[in-house]
PDB file of all heavy atoms in Angstrom:
ATOM      1  N   ALA A   1       6.241  -9.190 -14.984  1.00  0.00           N
ATOM      2  CA  ALA A   1       5.419  -9.968 -14.097  1.00  0.00           C
ATOM      3  C   ALA A   1       3.920  -9.713 -14.384  1.00  0.00           C
ATOM      4  O   ALA A   1       3.584  -8.613 -14.868  1.00  0.00           O
ATOM      5  CB  ALA A   1       5.772  -9.686 -12.695  1.00  0.00           C
ATOM      6  N   PRO A   2       3.078 -10.666 -14.067  1.00  0.00           N
ATOM      7  CA  PRO A   2       1.666 -10.441 -14.206  1.00  0.00           C
ATOM      8  C   PRO A   2       1.171  -9.191 -13.471  1.00  0.00           C
ATOM      9  O   PRO A   2       0.113  -8.559 -13.824  1.00  0.00           O
ATOM     10  CB  PRO A   2       0.979 -11.667 -13.690  1.00  0.00           C
ATOM     11  CG  PRO A   2       2.038 -12.752 -13.860  1.00  0.00           C
ATOM     12  CD  PRO A   2       3.333 -12.075 -13.588  1.00  0.00           C
ATOM     13  N   GLU A   3       1.869  -8.872 -12.402  1.00  0.00           N
ATOM     14  CA  GLU A   3       1.524  -7.618 -11.601  1.00  0.00           C
ATOM     15  C   GLU A   3       1.964  -6.345 -12.255  1.00  0.00           C
ATOM     16  O   GLU A   3       1.834  -5.253 -11.653  1.00  0.00           O
ATOM     17  CB  GLU A   3       2.143  -7.792 -10.181  1.00  0.00           C
ATOM     18  CG  GLU A   3       1.598  -8.929  -9.400  1.00  0.00           C
ATOM     19  CD  GLU A   3       2.374 -10.232  -9.635  1.00  0.00           C
ATOM     20  OE1 GLU A   3       3.274 -10.245 -10.476  1.00  0.00           O
ATOM     21  OE2 GLU A   3       1.974 -11.249  -9.030  1.00  0.00           O
ATOM     22  N   GLN A   4       2.564  -6.441 -13.432  1.00  0.00           N
ATOM     23  CA  GLN A   4       3.089  -5.255 -14.161  1.00  0.00           C
ATOM     24  C   GLN A   4       2.475  -5.109 -15.540  1.00  0.00           C
ATOM     25  O   GLN A   4       3.126  -5.249 -16.556  1.00  0.00           O
ATOM     26  CB  GLN A   4       4.625  -5.333 -14.290  1.00  0.00           C
ATOM     27  CG  GLN A   4       5.352  -5.307 -12.923  1.00  0.00           C
ATOM     28  CD  GLN A   4       6.802  -5.707 -13.058  1.00  0.00           C
ATOM     29  OE1 GLN A   4       7.107  -6.872 -13.288  1.00  0.00           O
ATOM     30  NE2 GLN A   4       7.708  -4.700 -12.971  1.00  0.00           N
ATOM     31  N   PRO A   5       1.188  -4.730 -15.622  1.00  0.00           N
ATOM     32  CA  PRO A   5       0.538  -4.629 -16.922  1.00  0.00           C
ATOM     33  C   PRO A   5       1.095  -3.493 -17.783  1.00  0.00           C
ATOM     34  O   PRO A   5       1.364  -2.359 -17.281  1.00  0.00           O
ATOM     35  CB  PRO A   5      -0.948  -4.385 -16.558  1.00  0.00           C
ATOM     36  CG  PRO A   5      -0.869  -3.731 -15.185  1.00  0.00           C
ATOM     37  CD  PRO A   5       0.265  -4.415 -14.491  1.00  0.00           C
ATOM     38  N   ASP A   6       1.267  -3.720 -19.092  1.00  0.00           N
ATOM     39  CA  ASP A   6       1.824  -2.719 -19.928  1.00  0.00           C
ATOM     40  C   ASP A   6       0.793  -1.643 -20.311  1.00  0.00           C
ATOM     41  O   ASP A   6      -0.366  -1.915 -20.650  1.00  0.00           O
ATOM     42  CB  ASP A   6       2.348  -3.378 -21.292  1.00  0.00           C
ATOM     43  CG  ASP A   6       3.690  -3.982 -21.118  1.00  0.00           C
ATOM     44  OD1 ASP A   6       3.965  -4.605 -20.092  1.00  0.00           O
ATOM     45  OD2 ASP A   6       4.462  -3.824 -22.042  1.00  0.00           O
ATOM     46  N   LEU A   7       1.299  -0.399 -20.280  1.00  0.00           N
ATOM     47  CA  LEU A   7       0.465   0.723 -20.722  1.00  0.00           C
ATOM     48  C   LEU A   7       0.367   0.725 -22.209  1.00  0.00           C
ATOM     49  O   LEU A   7       1.256   0.231 -22.919  1.00  0.00           O
ATOM     50  CB  LEU A   7       1.069   2.036 -20.278  1.00  0.00           C
ATOM     51  CG  LEU A   7       0.938   2.312 -18.744  1.00  0.00           C
ATOM     52  CD1 LEU A   7       2.033   3.328 -18.258  1.00  0.00           C
ATOM     53  CD2 LEU A   7      -0.462   2.848 -18.385  1.00  0.00           C
ATOM     54  N   ASN A   8      -0.714   1.255 -22.706  1.00  0.00           N
ATOM     55  CA  ASN A   8      -0.937   1.325 -24.185  1.00  0.00           C
ATOM     56  C   ASN A   8      -0.572   2.734 -24.710  1.00  0.00           C
ATOM     57  O   ASN A   8      -1.378   3.679 -24.633  1.00  0.00           O
ATOM     58  CB  ASN A   8      -2.430   1.025 -24.507  1.00  0.00           C
ATOM     59  CG  ASN A   8      -2.696   1.065 -26.011  1.00  0.00           C
ATOM     60  OD1 ASN A   8      -1.760   1.054 -26.830  1.00  0.00           O
ATOM     61  ND2 ASN A   8      -3.911   1.119 -26.423  1.00  0.00           N
ATOM     62  N   TRP A   9       0.689   2.856 -25.180  1.00  0.00           N
ATOM     63  CA  TRP A   9       1.112   4.156 -25.648  1.00  0.00           C
ATOM     64  C   TRP A   9       0.455   4.542 -26.958  1.00  0.00           C
ATOM     65  O   TRP A   9       0.642   5.733 -27.333  1.00  0.00           O
ATOM     66  CB  TRP A   9       2.656   4.036 -25.824  1.00  0.00           C
ATOM     67  CG  TRP A   9       3.395   4.262 -24.503  1.00  0.00           C
ATOM     68  CD1 TRP A   9       3.432   3.442 -23.445  1.00  0.00           C
ATOM     69  CD2 TRP A   9       4.173   5.458 -24.174  1.00  0.00           C
ATOM     70  NE1 TRP A   9       4.191   4.001 -22.493  1.00  0.00           N
ATOM     71  CE2 TRP A   9       4.642   5.204 -22.842  1.00  0.00           C
ATOM     72  CE3 TRP A   9       4.506   6.644 -24.795  1.00  0.00           C
ATOM     73  CZ2 TRP A   9       5.486   6.110 -22.200  1.00  0.00           C
ATOM     74  CZ3 TRP A   9       5.284   7.556 -24.192  1.00  0.00           C
ATOM     75  CH2 TRP A   9       5.772   7.280 -22.861  1.00  0.00           C
ATOM     76  N   GLU A  10      -0.265   3.709 -27.609  1.00  0.00           N
ATOM     77  CA  GLU A  10      -0.998   4.130 -28.770  1.00  0.00           C
ATOM     78  C   GLU A  10      -2.113   5.053 -28.434  1.00  0.00           C
ATOM     79  O   GLU A  10      -2.607   5.840 -29.309  1.00  0.00           O
ATOM     80  CB  GLU A  10      -1.628   2.858 -29.463  1.00  0.00           C
ATOM     81  CG  GLU A  10      -0.571   1.865 -29.955  1.00  0.00           C
ATOM     82  CD  GLU A  10       0.123   2.370 -31.203  1.00  0.00           C
ATOM     83  OE1 GLU A  10      -0.431   3.065 -32.013  1.00  0.00           O
ATOM     84  OE2 GLU A  10       1.351   2.050 -31.300  1.00  0.00           O
ATOM     85  N   ASN A  11      -2.589   5.070 -27.169  1.00  0.00           N
ATOM     86  CA  ASN A  11      -3.655   5.912 -26.729  1.00  0.00           C
ATOM     87  C   ASN A  11      -3.084   7.261 -26.278  1.00  0.00           C
ATOM     88  O   ASN A  11      -2.336   7.406 -25.304  1.00  0.00           O
ATOM     89  CB  ASN A  11      -4.375   5.238 -25.513  1.00  0.00           C
ATOM     90  CG  ASN A  11      -5.587   6.003 -25.027  1.00  0.00           C
ATOM     91  OD1 ASN A  11      -5.477   7.146 -24.637  1.00  0.00           O
ATOM     92  ND2 ASN A  11      -6.747   5.395 -25.060  1.00  0.00           N
ATOM     93  N   LYS A  12      -3.406   8.348 -27.007  1.00  0.00           N
ATOM     94  CA  LYS A  12      -2.895   9.630 -26.795  1.00  0.00           C
ATOM     95  C   LYS A  12      -3.239  10.175 -25.362  1.00  0.00           C
ATOM     96  O   LYS A  12      -2.449  10.809 -24.689  1.00  0.00           O
ATOM     97  CB  LYS A  12      -3.343  10.656 -27.837  1.00  0.00           C
ATOM     98  CG  LYS A  12      -2.683  11.992 -27.711  1.00  0.00           C
ATOM     99  CD  LYS A  12      -3.093  12.950 -28.842  1.00  0.00           C
ATOM    100  CE  LYS A  12      -2.399  14.291 -28.662  1.00  0.00           C
ATOM    101  NZ  LYS A  12      -2.736  15.211 -29.783  1.00  0.00           N
ATOM    102  N   GLU A  13      -4.497   9.923 -24.966  1.00  0.00           N
ATOM    103  CA  GLU A  13      -4.860  10.403 -23.652  1.00  0.00           C
ATOM    104  C   GLU A  13      -4.057   9.754 -22.532  1.00  0.00           C
ATOM    105  O   GLU A  13      -3.656  10.439 -21.577  1.00  0.00           O
ATOM    106  CB  GLU A  13      -6.347  10.021 -23.444  1.00  0.00           C
ATOM    107  CG  GLU A  13      -6.964  10.639 -22.119  1.00  0.00           C
ATOM    108  CD  GLU A  13      -8.440  10.225 -21.924  1.00  0.00           C
ATOM    109  OE1 GLU A  13      -8.793   9.117 -22.332  1.00  0.00           O
ATOM    110  OE2 GLU A  13      -9.121  11.104 -21.402  1.00  0.00           O
ATOM    111  N   CYS A  14      -3.707   8.426 -22.759  1.00  0.00           N
ATOM    112  CA  CYS A  14      -2.833   7.765 -21.796  1.00  0.00           C
ATOM    113  C   CYS A  14      -1.488   8.421 -21.784  1.00  0.00           C
ATOM    114  O   CYS A  14      -0.886   8.680 -20.713  1.00  0.00           O
ATOM    115  CB  CYS A  14      -2.739   6.334 -22.149  1.00  0.00           C
ATOM    116  SG  CYS A  14      -1.628   5.315 -21.173  1.00  0.00           S
ATOM    117  N   ARG A  15      -0.897   8.743 -22.917  1.00  0.00           N
ATOM    118  CA  ARG A  15       0.411   9.352 -23.029  1.00  0.00           C
ATOM    119  C   ARG A  15       0.378  10.670 -22.360  1.00  0.00           C
ATOM    120  O   ARG A  15       1.356  11.043 -21.612  1.00  0.00           O
ATOM    121  CB  ARG A  15       0.865   9.506 -24.487  1.00  0.00           C
ATOM    122  CG  ARG A  15       1.074   8.226 -25.260  1.00  0.00           C
ATOM    123  CD  ARG A  15       1.933   8.393 -26.527  1.00  0.00           C
ATOM    124  NE  ARG A  15       1.533   9.425 -27.369  1.00  0.00           N
ATOM    125  CZ  ARG A  15       0.616   9.334 -28.334  1.00  0.00           C
ATOM    126  NH1 ARG A  15      -0.047   8.151 -28.457  1.00  0.00           N
ATOM    127  NH2 ARG A  15       0.362  10.311 -29.172  1.00  0.00           N
ATOM    128  N   GLU A  16      -0.582  11.463 -22.545  1.00  0.00           N
ATOM    129  CA  GLU A  16      -0.648  12.803 -21.943  1.00  0.00           C
ATOM    130  C   GLU A  16      -0.704  12.683 -20.378  1.00  0.00           C
ATOM    131  O   GLU A  16      -0.129  13.458 -19.717  1.00  0.00           O
ATOM    132  CB  GLU A  16      -1.838  13.593 -22.471  1.00  0.00           C
ATOM    133  CG  GLU A  16      -1.732  14.041 -23.922  1.00  0.00           C
ATOM    134  CD  GLU A  16      -0.535  14.991 -24.115  1.00  0.00           C
ATOM    135  OE1 GLU A  16      -0.189  15.712 -23.133  1.00  0.00           O
ATOM    136  OE2 GLU A  16       0.056  14.988 -25.240  1.00  0.00           O
ATOM    137  N   ALA A  17      -1.412  11.660 -19.932  1.00  0.00           N
ATOM    138  CA  ALA A  17      -1.447  11.462 -18.481  1.00  0.00           C
ATOM    139  C   ALA A  17      -0.057  11.097 -17.947  1.00  0.00           C
ATOM    140  O   ALA A  17       0.359  11.477 -16.880  1.00  0.00           O
ATOM    141  CB  ALA A  17      -2.460  10.383 -18.128  1.00  0.00           C
ATOM    142  N   ILE A  18       0.654  10.221 -18.723  1.00  0.00           N
ATOM    143  CA  ILE A  18       2.029   9.878 -18.298  1.00  0.00           C
ATOM    144  C   ILE A  18       2.880  11.113 -18.227  1.00  0.00           C
ATOM    145  O   ILE A  18       3.613  11.333 -17.232  1.00  0.00           O
ATOM    146  CB  ILE A  18       2.585   8.871 -19.309  1.00  0.00           C
ATOM    147  CG1 ILE A  18       1.895   7.489 -19.241  1.00  0.00           C
ATOM    148  CG2 ILE A  18       4.105   8.669 -19.081  1.00  0.00           C
ATOM    149  CD1 ILE A  18       2.217   6.557 -20.363  1.00  0.00           C
ATOM    150  N   TYR A  19       2.864  11.929 -19.245  1.00  0.00           N
ATOM    151  CA  TYR A  19       3.689  13.166 -19.264  1.00  0.00           C
ATOM    152  C   TYR A  19       3.376  14.074 -18.076  1.00  0.00           C
ATOM    153  O   TYR A  19       4.273  14.613 -17.432  1.00  0.00           O
ATOM    154  CB  TYR A  19       3.511  13.887 -20.616  1.00  0.00           C
ATOM    155  CG  TYR A  19       3.774  13.061 -21.866  1.00  0.00           C
ATOM    156  CD1 TYR A  19       3.137  13.295 -23.007  1.00  0.00           C
ATOM    157  CD2 TYR A  19       4.675  12.023 -21.808  1.00  0.00           C
ATOM    158  CE1 TYR A  19       3.384  12.594 -24.195  1.00  0.00           C
ATOM    159  CE2 TYR A  19       4.922  11.280 -22.962  1.00  0.00           C
ATOM    160  CZ  TYR A  19       4.306  11.510 -24.119  1.00  0.00           C
ATOM    161  OH  TYR A  19       4.517  10.764 -25.240  1.00  0.00           O
ATOM    162  N   GLU A  20       2.089  14.276 -17.853  1.00  0.00           N
ATOM    163  CA  GLU A  20       1.695  15.218 -16.795  1.00  0.00           C
ATOM    164  C   GLU A  20       1.878  14.662 -15.435  1.00  0.00           C
ATOM    165  O   GLU A  20       2.465  15.351 -14.534  1.00  0.00           O
ATOM    166  CB  GLU A  20       0.235  15.616 -16.977  1.00  0.00           C
ATOM    167  CG  GLU A  20      -0.290  16.589 -15.975  1.00  0.00           C
ATOM    168  CD  GLU A  20       0.459  17.992 -16.040  1.00  0.00           C
ATOM    169  OE1 GLU A  20       0.941  18.282 -17.154  1.00  0.00           O
ATOM    170  OE2 GLU A  20       0.385  18.731 -15.092  1.00  0.00           O
ATOM    171  N   GLU A  21       1.482  13.479 -15.171  1.00  0.00           N
ATOM    172  CA  GLU A  21       1.489  12.933 -13.827  1.00  0.00           C
ATOM    173  C   GLU A  21       2.796  12.288 -13.360  1.00  0.00           C
ATOM    174  O   GLU A  21       3.018  12.102 -12.152  1.00  0.00           O
ATOM    175  CB  GLU A  21       0.291  11.947 -13.644  1.00  0.00           C
ATOM    176  CG  GLU A  21      -1.039  12.525 -13.895  1.00  0.00           C
ATOM    177  CD  GLU A  21      -2.191  11.661 -13.458  1.00  0.00           C
ATOM    178  OE1 GLU A  21      -2.021  10.843 -12.500  1.00  0.00           O
ATOM    179  OE2 GLU A  21      -3.297  11.785 -14.050  1.00  0.00           O
ATOM    180  N   THR A  22       3.629  11.914 -14.306  1.00  0.00           N
ATOM    181  CA  THR A  22       4.889  11.325 -13.908  1.00  0.00           C
ATOM    182  C   THR A  22       6.066  12.261 -14.158  1.00  0.00           C
ATOM    183  O   THR A  22       6.935  12.466 -13.286  1.00  0.00           O
ATOM    184  CB  THR A  22       5.174  10.018 -14.672  1.00  0.00           C
ATOM    185  OG1 THR A  22       5.486  10.249 -16.024  1.00  0.00           O
ATOM    186  CG2 THR A  22       3.968   9.084 -14.554  1.00  0.00           C
ATOM    187  N   MET A  23       6.161  12.914 -15.309  1.00  0.00           N
ATOM    188  CA  MET A  23       7.289  13.723 -15.620  1.00  0.00           C
ATOM    189  C   MET A  23       7.163  15.107 -15.147  1.00  0.00           C
ATOM    190  O   MET A  23       8.029  15.582 -14.336  1.00  0.00           O
ATOM    191  CB  MET A  23       7.476  13.668 -17.174  1.00  0.00           C
ATOM    192  CG  MET A  23       7.725  12.284 -17.749  1.00  0.00           C
ATOM    193  SD  MET A  23       7.904  12.256 -19.531  1.00  0.00           S
ATOM    194  CE  MET A  23       7.836  10.523 -19.916  1.00  0.00           C
ATOM    195  N   ARG A  24       6.154  15.869 -15.620  1.00  0.00           N
ATOM    196  CA  ARG A  24       6.082  17.277 -15.191  1.00  0.00           C
ATOM    197  C   ARG A  24       5.879  17.396 -13.692  1.00  0.00           C
ATOM    198  O   ARG A  24       6.410  18.392 -13.099  1.00  0.00           O
ATOM    199  CB  ARG A  24       4.929  17.919 -15.946  1.00  0.00           C
ATOM    200  CG  ARG A  24       5.101  18.061 -17.388  1.00  0.00           C
ATOM    201  CD  ARG A  24       4.050  18.974 -18.078  1.00  0.00           C
ATOM    202  NE  ARG A  24       4.131  18.939 -19.493  1.00  0.00           N
ATOM    203  CZ  ARG A  24       3.371  18.246 -20.329  1.00  0.00           C
ATOM    204  NH1 ARG A  24       2.429  17.482 -19.808  1.00  0.00           N
ATOM    205  NH2 ARG A  24       3.542  18.302 -21.647  1.00  0.00           N
ATOM    206  N   PHE A  25       5.205  16.473 -13.058  1.00  0.00           N
ATOM    207  CA  PHE A  25       4.969  16.550 -11.594  1.00  0.00           C
ATOM    208  C   PHE A  25       6.335  16.692 -10.908  1.00  0.00           C
ATOM    209  O   PHE A  25       6.477  17.474 -10.011  1.00  0.00           O
ATOM    210  CB  PHE A  25       4.222  15.320 -11.136  1.00  0.00           C
ATOM    211  CG  PHE A  25       4.004  15.328  -9.649  1.00  0.00           C
ATOM    212  CD1 PHE A  25       2.964  15.999  -9.042  1.00  0.00           C
ATOM    213  CD2 PHE A  25       4.911  14.584  -8.846  1.00  0.00           C
ATOM    214  CE1 PHE A  25       2.823  15.942  -7.612  1.00  0.00           C
ATOM    215  CE2 PHE A  25       4.720  14.537  -7.428  1.00  0.00           C
ATOM    216  CZ  PHE A  25       3.732  15.229  -6.858  1.00  0.00           C
ATOM    217  N   TRP A  26       7.274  15.834 -11.292  1.00  0.00           N
ATOM    218  CA  TRP A  26       8.553  15.815 -10.602  1.00  0.00           C
ATOM    219  C   TRP A  26       9.493  16.912 -11.075  1.00  0.00           C
ATOM    220  O   TRP A  26      10.338  17.431 -10.275  1.00  0.00           O
ATOM    221  CB  TRP A  26       9.227  14.426 -10.692  1.00  0.00           C
ATOM    222  CG  TRP A  26       8.471  13.454  -9.815  1.00  0.00           C
ATOM    223  CD1 TRP A  26       7.586  12.522 -10.219  1.00  0.00           C
ATOM    224  CD2 TRP A  26       8.534  13.409  -8.403  1.00  0.00           C
ATOM    225  NE1 TRP A  26       7.032  11.851  -9.140  1.00  0.00           N
ATOM    226  CE2 TRP A  26       7.603  12.390  -7.998  1.00  0.00           C
ATOM    227  CE3 TRP A  26       9.210  14.108  -7.465  1.00  0.00           C
ATOM    228  CZ2 TRP A  26       7.436  12.027  -6.656  1.00  0.00           C
ATOM    229  CZ3 TRP A  26       9.019  13.722  -6.114  1.00  0.00           C
ATOM    230  CH2 TRP A  26       8.134  12.762  -5.706  1.00  0.00           C
ATOM    231  N   LEU A  27       9.385  17.256 -12.331  1.00  0.00           N
ATOM    232  CA  LEU A  27      10.227  18.364 -12.839  1.00  0.00           C
ATOM    233  C   LEU A  27       9.887  19.666 -12.185  1.00  0.00           C
ATOM    234  O   LEU A  27      10.779  20.502 -11.856  1.00  0.00           O
ATOM    235  CB  LEU A  27      10.099  18.435 -14.395  1.00  0.00           C
ATOM    236  CG  LEU A  27      10.676  17.280 -15.189  1.00  0.00           C
ATOM    237  CD1 LEU A  27      10.232  17.360 -16.629  1.00  0.00           C
ATOM    238  CD2 LEU A  27      12.173  17.243 -15.038  1.00  0.00           C
TER     239      LEU A  27
END
């Protein structure tokens, strides 16, 4: 949906934020 913009996984800084703020936070 237009309300669901895709993240740019080509950007390393973005990937690191994903790993830290979504995965490690809950693990």
